[in-house]
Amino acid sequence: MRIEILSGTFICKMIEGLAVTNNRKIRGNRSERGDFLINNPVRLYLSDGQVFEGLAPAWQQGQYSGEVVFNTGMTGYVESLTDPSYANQILVFTFPIIGNYGVQLKDMESDKIQVSGVITCQTALKGSHAKSAASLLEWLGSQSIPILTNVDTRALTKHLRAKGTMLGAISQEPVNLNKLAVAPRQASINAPVIYNKQHAKKIILVDCGAKDNILKSLLKLPVQVKRVPADYDYASEPYDGVVLSNGPGDPTDYQTTIATTRKALAGDKPVFGICLGTQVMALAAGAKTYKLLFGHRGHNQPCMDVENRRCYITSQNHGYAIDEKSLPKDWRVSFRNLNDSSVEGIRHKSKPFFSVQFHPEACPGPTDTAWLFERFAQAL
C-alpha cells in the first residue's frame, strides 16, 4: 500500500488486485469472480454542504442516507458492521485499509449488517484469512449495503471531529440536503426468549439492540437469562438481576424502557447497564444526557476506574453521554474517559446498581473489563 499527495489531491494507490487511481474515472479492477467492479465515481454529501469523492461497485445505485460517524479501530470490522448500535449510521473507518482478512461469519454481533453504509480509504477485494467465508465487498453486496472507497478518510474524519457527526448520503447524483433525515433507530427483539432454564437465578436482559457477546457473556454465568424487548415491563415478575443492553439512537427516545428501569431502581436487586444501558439507568435515576460532538467509537478508548485509578483500554460505540452535574447525590461517577474526561460509568453509593459506557464484552476489542460480569454475578 502507498499513500501519495500529488497536486494537493489525496490519492490512494492500491496494489495486487486493489483499486488504483490517479483520477476518479478508473476502469477495471474486478474481484476474482469478476462481479464487483469498482469504477463508479460516487460522492458522500454531508448535511453541512461538504462533499467527499470516492468510488463504488457497479451494482450500487440510488441514494443511501444515515448519520455519518467514524470508528478508530484497526480491526474488527465484521463485529462493528453487525453491531445494532450502528443502525441507520454510515460508518467511516479511519484505518486506511479494510477487508484484508475477509469475513468470518462467526464474528457477527447480530444476524445482519446494521449500518446504512460504509466508507473506507482502501478496500481489499479479497480476504487473506483461511476461514474467510466471503470478501467484504461480496458480503456487503449480498445485503445491499453501500460502500464508498478511495475516500480521503483522514480529511473526512478531521471534518467530523471539527463539525461533529451529521447526516449524509452516498449518491451518484447531487442530494437535496434539506430532505436528509434518519428515522428513530430501534433494534430490539420482538418477543421474550429464555436461555439456560436449568438455573434457578433469573436475569432479565433488556434488549435495546444487544450485541450477541453480551448474551454469551451472561450465559457463561450460572444463571437463567430472559431476554426481553426494550419496551417490555418486567417489574412485576420475579427476577434476581437486570442487565440493560447497548442499542442505537438517542437514549431519551426509550421512555418506556426508562420508566421500567425506574421501577427496578426502586428495589434492591442488582442492575447492570452497558453503553446505552448506562444512559437509560442515569435517566431513570433522574440525571440528564447530552450528545457528544463526534462520539466514541473504536476499541482503543482509555478509561480510568475512579475508585482505584486503574486504567483500561476499552471498546466503545456511543454518541451520547451522561451530564455529570445532573447526577443525584446518591450516585457517583465510577469510570472516566481519559481523552475528554466524560462519564464512562456510574454507580449507586449504597445499592447494587452500576453501569459502564464502554463494552466489557468487547467484540471487537480488549477483554480487560470482562470482570464486570463477574461483579454483577457476585451481587446477585
Protein backbone atom coordinates (compact mmCIF):
# COMPACT_ATOMS: atom_id res chain seq x y z
CA MET A 1 0.00 0.00 0.00
CA ARG A 2 1.24 3.50 -0.79
CA ILE A 3 -0.41 6.83 0.02
CA GLU A 4 0.70 9.86 -2.01
CA ILE A 5 -0.22 13.51 -2.16
CA LEU A 6 0.01 14.99 -5.67
CA SER A 7 -1.09 18.48 -6.62
CA GLY A 8 -2.99 18.83 -3.37
CA THR A 9 -5.17 15.83 -4.21
CA PHE A 10 -5.28 12.83 -1.91
CA ILE A 11 -4.65 9.67 -3.93
CA CYS A 12 -4.89 6.14 -2.62
CA LYS A 13 -2.83 3.72 -4.71
CA MET A 14 -3.57 0.08 -4.17
CA ILE A 15 -1.65 -2.85 -5.48
CA GLU A 16 -2.17 -6.55 -6.09
CA GLY A 17 -5.78 -6.52 -7.24
CA LEU A 18 -6.92 -3.42 -5.36
CA ALA A 19 -8.22 -0.24 -6.96
CA VAL A 20 -5.54 2.03 -8.44
CA THR A 21 -6.42 5.55 -9.47
CA ASN A 22 -4.97 8.96 -10.10
CA ASN A 23 -8.35 10.31 -11.14
CA ARG A 24 -11.98 9.49 -10.47
CA LYS A 25 -12.63 7.59 -13.71
CA ILE A 26 -10.99 4.25 -13.02
CA ARG A 27 -11.62 1.36 -15.40
CA GLY A 28 -11.23 -2.27 -14.40
CA ASN A 29 -10.19 -3.77 -11.06
CA ARG A 30 -12.59 -6.65 -10.71
CA SER A 31 -12.65 -9.20 -7.94
CA GLU A 32 -11.60 -12.76 -8.70
CA ARG A 33 -15.19 -13.61 -9.61
CA GLY A 34 -15.48 -10.54 -11.81
CA ASP A 35 -18.73 -9.34 -10.24
CA PHE A 36 -17.74 -6.38 -8.07
CA LEU A 37 -16.40 -3.80 -10.47
CA ILE A 38 -15.30 -0.70 -8.52
CA ASN A 39 -15.35 2.02 -11.14
CA ASN A 40 -18.32 4.29 -10.49
CA PRO A 41 -17.47 7.79 -9.28
CA VAL A 42 -19.75 8.38 -6.28
CA ARG A 43 -19.83 11.06 -3.60
CA LEU A 44 -20.63 11.46 0.07
CA TYR A 45 -22.81 14.52 0.59
CA LEU A 46 -22.81 15.88 4.15
CA SER A 47 -25.64 17.97 5.56
CA ASP A 48 -23.33 20.98 6.02
CA GLY A 49 -22.64 21.06 2.27
CA GLN A 50 -19.24 19.35 2.32
CA VAL A 51 -18.69 16.72 -0.39
CA PHE A 52 -16.16 13.86 -0.48
CA GLU A 53 -15.39 11.90 -3.64
CA GLY A 54 -14.88 8.17 -3.92
CA LEU A 55 -15.61 5.03 -5.92
CA ALA A 56 -18.35 2.42 -5.57
CA PRO A 57 -19.24 -1.03 -7.01
CA ALA A 58 -21.22 -1.06 -10.26
CA TRP A 59 -24.27 -2.68 -8.60
CA GLN A 60 -24.67 0.25 -6.23
CA GLN A 61 -27.37 2.65 -7.41
CA GLY A 62 -29.53 5.26 -5.73
CA GLN A 63 -29.14 7.28 -2.55
CA TYR A 64 -28.24 5.88 0.88
CA SER A 65 -28.68 8.15 3.90
CA GLY A 66 -27.59 7.98 7.54
CA GLU A 67 -25.74 9.71 10.33
CA VAL A 68 -22.05 9.81 9.39
CA VAL A 69 -19.76 8.62 12.19
CA PHE A 70 -16.20 7.29 12.38
CA ASN A 71 -14.56 4.29 14.06
CA THR A 72 -10.88 4.34 15.07
CA GLY A 73 -10.37 0.56 15.38
CA MET A 74 -7.67 -1.11 13.27
CA THR A 75 -9.54 -4.45 13.10
CA GLY A 76 -12.96 -5.84 13.99
CA TYR A 77 -14.90 -4.51 11.03
CA VAL A 78 -17.23 -7.55 10.94
CA GLU A 79 -18.18 -7.05 14.58
CA SER A 80 -18.63 -3.30 14.12
CA LEU A 81 -20.75 -3.56 10.98
CA THR A 82 -23.13 -6.00 12.72
CA ASP A 83 -23.35 -4.04 15.98
CA PRO A 84 -27.02 -2.92 16.34
CA SER A 85 -25.85 0.36 17.86
CA TYR A 86 -24.76 1.40 14.36
CA ALA A 87 -28.28 1.07 12.93
CA ASN A 88 -29.06 3.86 10.43
CA GLN A 89 -25.48 5.15 10.51
CA ILE A 90 -22.88 5.46 7.75
CA LEU A 91 -19.65 4.16 9.24
CA VAL A 92 -16.30 5.69 8.31
CA PHE A 93 -13.25 3.53 9.08
CA THR A 94 -10.22 5.64 9.92
CA PHE A 95 -7.77 2.75 9.43
CA PRO A 96 -6.54 3.04 5.81
CA ILE A 97 -7.29 -0.49 4.58
CA ILE A 98 -10.37 -2.54 5.45
CA GLY A 99 -11.36 -6.04 4.35
CA ASN A 100 -7.88 -7.58 4.22
CA TYR A 101 -8.87 -10.67 6.25
CA GLY A 102 -12.27 -11.11 4.66
CA VAL A 103 -15.43 -12.00 6.58
CA GLN A 104 -15.78 -14.72 9.19
CA LEU A 105 -19.49 -15.06 9.95
CA LYS A 106 -18.83 -16.34 13.47
CA ASP A 107 -17.64 -12.83 14.35
CA MET A 108 -21.05 -11.26 13.68
CA GLU A 109 -22.64 -9.47 16.64
CA SER A 110 -26.19 -9.78 15.25
CA ASP A 111 -27.92 -11.61 12.42
CA LYS A 112 -27.23 -8.96 9.76
CA ILE A 113 -25.21 -5.91 8.80
CA GLN A 114 -26.68 -2.99 10.73
CA VAL A 115 -25.04 0.07 9.17
CA SER A 116 -26.61 2.12 6.38
CA GLY A 117 -23.31 2.48 4.55
CA VAL A 118 -19.53 2.01 4.73
CA ILE A 119 -16.75 4.46 3.85
CA THR A 120 -13.10 3.46 3.52
CA CYS A 121 -9.83 4.75 2.12
CA GLN A 122 -8.93 1.36 0.64
CA THR A 123 -10.93 -1.84 0.44
CA ALA A 124 -9.38 -5.26 -0.15
CA LEU A 125 -11.14 -7.15 -2.92
CA LYS A 126 -10.11 -10.48 -1.41
CA GLY A 127 -9.64 -11.54 2.22
CA SER A 128 -6.48 -13.44 3.12
CA HIS A 129 -7.77 -15.42 6.11
CA ALA A 130 -8.17 -19.18 5.60
CA LYS A 131 -11.54 -19.19 7.38
CA SER A 132 -12.99 -16.26 5.47
CA ALA A 133 -16.46 -17.04 4.07
CA ALA A 134 -16.53 -14.09 1.67
CA SER A 135 -14.79 -10.86 0.80
CA LEU A 136 -16.00 -7.69 2.48
CA LEU A 137 -17.38 -6.44 -0.85
CA GLU A 138 -19.24 -9.70 -1.51
CA TRP A 139 -20.73 -9.65 1.98
CA LEU A 140 -21.86 -6.03 1.71
CA GLY A 141 -23.30 -6.65 -1.74
CA SER A 142 -25.23 -9.70 -0.57
CA GLN A 143 -27.15 -7.45 1.84
CA SER A 144 -27.29 -4.39 -0.44
CA ILE A 145 -25.17 -2.30 1.90
CA PRO A 146 -23.43 0.53 0.01
CA ILE A 147 -19.71 1.19 0.23
CA LEU A 148 -17.71 4.23 -0.84
CA THR A 149 -13.97 3.60 -1.14
CA ASN A 150 -10.94 5.63 -2.31
CA VAL A 151 -12.12 8.37 0.04
CA ASP A 152 -9.76 10.71 1.90
CA THR A 153 -10.93 9.33 5.24
CA ARG A 154 -8.34 11.35 7.14
CA ALA A 155 -9.82 14.61 5.84
CA LEU A 156 -13.35 13.31 6.41
CA THR A 157 -12.58 12.31 10.00
CA LYS A 158 -10.95 15.66 10.73
CA HIS A 159 -14.05 17.38 9.35
CA LEU A 160 -16.37 15.32 11.58
CA ARG A 161 -14.17 15.96 14.62
CA ALA A 162 -14.37 19.70 14.00
CA LYS A 163 -18.02 19.98 12.93
CA GLY A 164 -19.50 16.96 14.73
CA THR A 165 -21.35 13.93 13.44
CA MET A 166 -24.03 14.86 10.92
CA LEU A 167 -26.41 13.43 8.39
CA GLY A 168 -25.09 12.45 5.00
CA ALA A 169 -25.86 10.48 1.86
CA ILE A 170 -23.88 8.27 -0.51
CA SER A 171 -25.06 9.03 -4.03
CA GLN A 172 -24.01 9.34 -7.69
CA GLU A 173 -26.36 12.28 -8.11
CA PRO A 174 -26.50 15.57 -6.16
CA VAL A 175 -28.50 15.30 -2.94
CA ASN A 176 -31.19 17.65 -1.64
CA LEU A 177 -29.66 18.37 1.76
CA ASN A 178 -32.92 19.85 3.06
CA LYS A 179 -34.58 16.44 2.77
CA LEU A 180 -31.92 14.43 4.59
CA ALA A 181 -33.47 12.60 7.53
CA VAL A 182 -32.98 9.46 9.58
CA ALA A 183 -35.84 7.77 11.40
CA PRO A 184 -35.54 6.97 15.13
CA ARG A 185 -33.44 3.83 15.48
CA GLN A 186 -34.71 0.71 17.20
CA ALA A 187 -33.05 -2.72 17.12
CA SER A 188 -34.78 -4.70 19.86
CA ILE A 189 -36.17 -8.22 19.63
CA ASN A 190 -39.94 -8.68 19.22
CA ALA A 191 -40.72 -11.19 21.97
CA PRO A 192 -39.06 -12.62 25.12
CA VAL A 193 -36.63 -15.54 24.83
CA ILE A 194 -35.41 -17.65 27.76
CA TYR A 195 -31.96 -19.30 27.97
CA ASN A 196 -30.43 -21.70 30.49
CA LYS A 197 -33.73 -22.69 32.07
CA GLN A 198 -31.93 -25.20 34.30
CA HIS A 199 -30.58 -22.45 36.55
CA ALA A 200 -32.56 -21.06 39.47
CA LYS A 201 -31.35 -17.48 39.46
CA LYS A 202 -33.09 -15.41 36.79
CA ILE A 203 -31.60 -12.44 34.95
CA ILE A 204 -33.61 -10.04 32.82
CA LEU A 205 -31.63 -8.87 29.77
CA VAL A 206 -33.34 -5.77 28.42
CA ASP A 207 -32.53 -5.89 24.71
CA CYS A 208 -32.35 -2.39 23.24
CA GLY A 209 -30.15 -3.76 20.46
CA ALA A 210 -27.90 -6.09 22.43
CA LYS A 211 -24.69 -7.37 20.88
CA ASP A 212 -24.51 -11.17 20.83
CA ASN A 213 -21.47 -11.27 23.08
CA ILE A 214 -23.39 -9.62 25.92
CA LEU A 215 -25.73 -12.60 25.87
CA LYS A 216 -22.81 -15.03 25.52
CA SER A 217 -21.05 -13.41 28.49
CA LEU A 218 -24.17 -13.79 30.64
CA LEU A 219 -24.66 -17.41 29.55
CA LYS A 220 -21.20 -18.23 30.94
CA LEU A 221 -22.62 -17.47 34.39
CA PRO A 222 -24.76 -19.97 36.35
CA VAL A 223 -27.96 -18.02 35.69
CA GLN A 224 -31.14 -18.23 33.66
CA VAL A 225 -31.43 -15.36 31.19
CA LYS A 226 -34.72 -13.92 29.99
CA ARG A 227 -34.06 -11.65 27.03
CA VAL A 228 -36.90 -9.16 26.63
CA PRO A 229 -37.79 -6.34 24.20
CA ALA A 230 -36.84 -2.81 25.15
CA ASP A 231 -40.46 -1.84 25.90
CA TYR A 232 -41.21 -4.97 27.97
CA ASP A 233 -42.38 -4.35 31.57
CA TYR A 234 -40.71 -6.98 33.73
CA ALA A 235 -41.11 -5.08 37.02
CA SER A 236 -43.89 -7.32 38.36
CA GLU A 237 -42.06 -10.56 37.50
CA PRO A 238 -39.72 -12.47 39.82
CA TYR A 239 -36.06 -11.91 38.93
CA ASP A 240 -32.66 -11.70 40.62
CA GLY A 241 -31.00 -9.06 38.50
CA VAL A 242 -31.32 -6.85 35.41
CA VAL A 243 -28.90 -6.09 32.57
CA LEU A 244 -29.60 -3.06 30.38
CA SER A 245 -28.01 -3.53 26.96
CA ASN A 246 -26.49 -1.29 24.35
CA GLY A 247 -28.58 -0.01 21.45
CA PRO A 248 -28.86 2.69 18.79
CA GLY A 249 -30.12 6.23 18.89
CA ASP A 250 -30.91 8.89 21.47
CA PRO A 251 -31.43 7.41 24.96
CA THR A 252 -34.31 9.82 25.61
CA ASP A 253 -36.28 8.01 22.89
CA TYR A 254 -36.51 4.95 25.18
CA GLN A 255 -39.13 6.36 27.53
CA THR A 256 -40.85 3.02 28.20
CA THR A 257 -37.50 1.40 28.99
CA ILE A 258 -36.61 4.28 31.30
CA ALA A 259 -39.93 4.01 33.12
CA THR A 260 -39.49 0.27 33.74
CA THR A 261 -35.88 0.81 34.84
CA ARG A 262 -37.10 3.39 37.32
CA LYS A 263 -39.27 0.69 38.89
CA ALA A 264 -36.27 -1.65 39.09
CA LEU A 265 -34.18 1.06 40.79
CA ALA A 266 -36.89 1.43 43.41
CA GLY A 267 -35.94 -2.05 44.65
CA ASP A 268 -32.67 -3.55 45.84
CA LYS A 269 -31.85 -6.15 43.19
CA PRO A 270 -28.69 -5.69 41.08
CA VAL A 271 -28.96 -3.67 37.88
CA PHE A 272 -26.07 -3.57 35.40
CA GLY A 273 -26.06 -1.18 32.43
CA ILE A 274 -23.87 -1.33 29.32
CA CYS A 275 -23.44 1.56 26.84
CA LEU A 276 -26.98 2.81 26.11
CA GLY A 277 -27.93 0.95 29.29
CA THR A 278 -25.77 3.40 31.24
CA GLN A 279 -27.68 6.34 29.82
CA VAL A 280 -31.03 4.64 30.45
CA MET A 281 -30.01 3.99 34.05
CA ALA A 282 -28.93 7.61 34.51
CA LEU A 283 -32.17 8.95 33.04
CA ALA A 284 -34.19 6.59 35.25
CA ALA A 285 -32.27 7.85 38.29
CA GLY A 286 -33.11 11.45 37.41
CA ALA A 287 -29.95 12.57 35.59
CA LYS A 288 -29.65 14.04 32.10
CA THR A 289 -27.77 13.05 28.94
CA TYR A 290 -26.29 15.07 26.10
CA LYS A 291 -24.94 14.38 22.61
CA LEU A 292 -21.16 14.25 22.20
CA LEU A 293 -19.66 16.25 19.34
CA PHE A 294 -18.35 13.20 17.49
CA GLY A 295 -18.83 10.32 19.94
CA HIS A 296 -16.52 7.50 20.99
CA ARG A 297 -16.29 4.63 18.50
CA GLY A 298 -13.44 2.15 18.40
CA HIS A 299 -11.66 -0.31 20.67
CA ASN A 300 -8.78 1.88 21.81
CA GLN A 301 -10.51 4.24 24.24
CA PRO A 302 -8.64 4.75 27.55
CA CYS A 303 -10.76 4.82 30.72
CA MET A 304 -9.92 5.10 34.40
CA ASP A 305 -11.60 3.42 37.34
CA VAL A 306 -12.10 6.47 39.57
CA GLU A 307 -12.01 4.42 42.76
CA ASN A 308 -8.58 2.80 42.34
CA ARG A 309 -7.22 4.91 39.44
CA ARG A 310 -6.56 1.77 37.39
CA CYS A 311 -6.68 2.39 33.64
CA TYR A 312 -8.21 0.19 30.94
CA ILE A 313 -8.26 0.26 27.14
CA THR A 314 -11.90 -0.24 26.21
CA SER A 315 -14.19 -0.95 23.28
CA GLN A 316 -16.79 1.78 22.72
CA ASN A 317 -19.62 2.79 20.41
CA HIS A 318 -21.76 5.67 21.60
CA GLY A 319 -22.71 9.20 20.65
CA TYR A 320 -24.30 10.32 23.94
CA ALA A 321 -23.01 10.76 27.47
CA ILE A 322 -24.25 11.45 31.00
CA ASP A 323 -24.27 15.01 32.30
CA GLU A 324 -22.18 14.60 35.45
CA LYS A 325 -23.60 17.68 37.14
CA SER A 326 -27.13 16.27 36.88
CA LEU A 327 -26.39 13.05 38.81
CA PRO A 328 -28.44 12.73 42.01
CA LYS A 329 -26.45 12.93 45.26
CA ASP A 330 -26.76 9.18 45.95
CA TRP A 331 -24.93 8.35 42.70
CA ARG A 332 -21.27 8.78 41.82
CA VAL A 333 -19.04 8.58 38.74
CA SER A 334 -17.20 5.25 38.68
CA PHE A 335 -15.28 5.46 35.37
CA ARG A 336 -14.00 8.40 33.37
CA ASN A 337 -12.75 8.74 29.79
CA LEU A 338 -9.11 9.83 29.76
CA ASN A 339 -9.39 11.59 26.40
CA ASP A 340 -12.15 14.05 27.23
CA SER A 341 -12.99 13.34 30.93
CA SER A 342 -16.58 12.41 30.05
CA VAL A 343 -18.50 10.00 32.28
CA GLU A 344 -17.82 6.34 31.40
CA GLY A 345 -19.59 4.71 34.31
CA ILE A 346 -21.85 5.44 37.26
CA ARG A 347 -22.62 3.60 40.48
CA HIS A 348 -25.14 3.96 43.29
CA LYS A 349 -23.49 4.74 46.61
CA SER A 350 -25.38 2.09 48.60
CA LYS A 351 -27.46 -0.13 46.29
CA PRO A 352 -26.15 -2.73 43.77
CA PHE A 353 -26.72 -0.54 40.70
CA PHE A 354 -23.79 0.13 38.38
CA SER A 355 -23.15 0.71 34.70
CA VAL A 356 -20.38 1.41 32.19
CA GLN A 357 -20.43 3.37 28.96
CA PHE A 358 -17.89 1.08 27.31
CA HIS A 359 -18.31 -2.58 26.27
CA PRO A 360 -16.92 -5.12 28.78
CA GLU A 361 -17.99 -7.92 26.42
CA ALA A 362 -15.60 -6.44 23.77
CA CYS A 363 -16.10 -7.92 20.26
CA PRO A 364 -14.16 -6.21 18.89
CA GLY A 365 -11.58 -5.04 21.33
CA PRO A 366 -9.80 -5.92 24.57
CA THR A 367 -11.46 -8.10 27.21
CA ASP A 368 -9.75 -6.33 30.11
CA THR A 369 -13.06 -5.32 31.71
CA ALA A 370 -14.90 -8.64 31.32
CA TRP A 371 -14.62 -8.94 35.11
CA LEU A 372 -17.62 -6.61 35.36
CA PHE A 373 -19.87 -9.55 34.51
CA GLU A 374 -18.38 -11.40 37.49
CA ARG A 375 -19.03 -8.37 39.69
CA PHE A 376 -22.66 -8.48 38.60
CA ALA A 377 -22.89 -12.24 39.29
CA GLN A 378 -21.43 -11.79 42.76
CA ALA A 379 -24.03 -9.13 43.56
CA LEU A 380 -26.97 -11.47 42.77
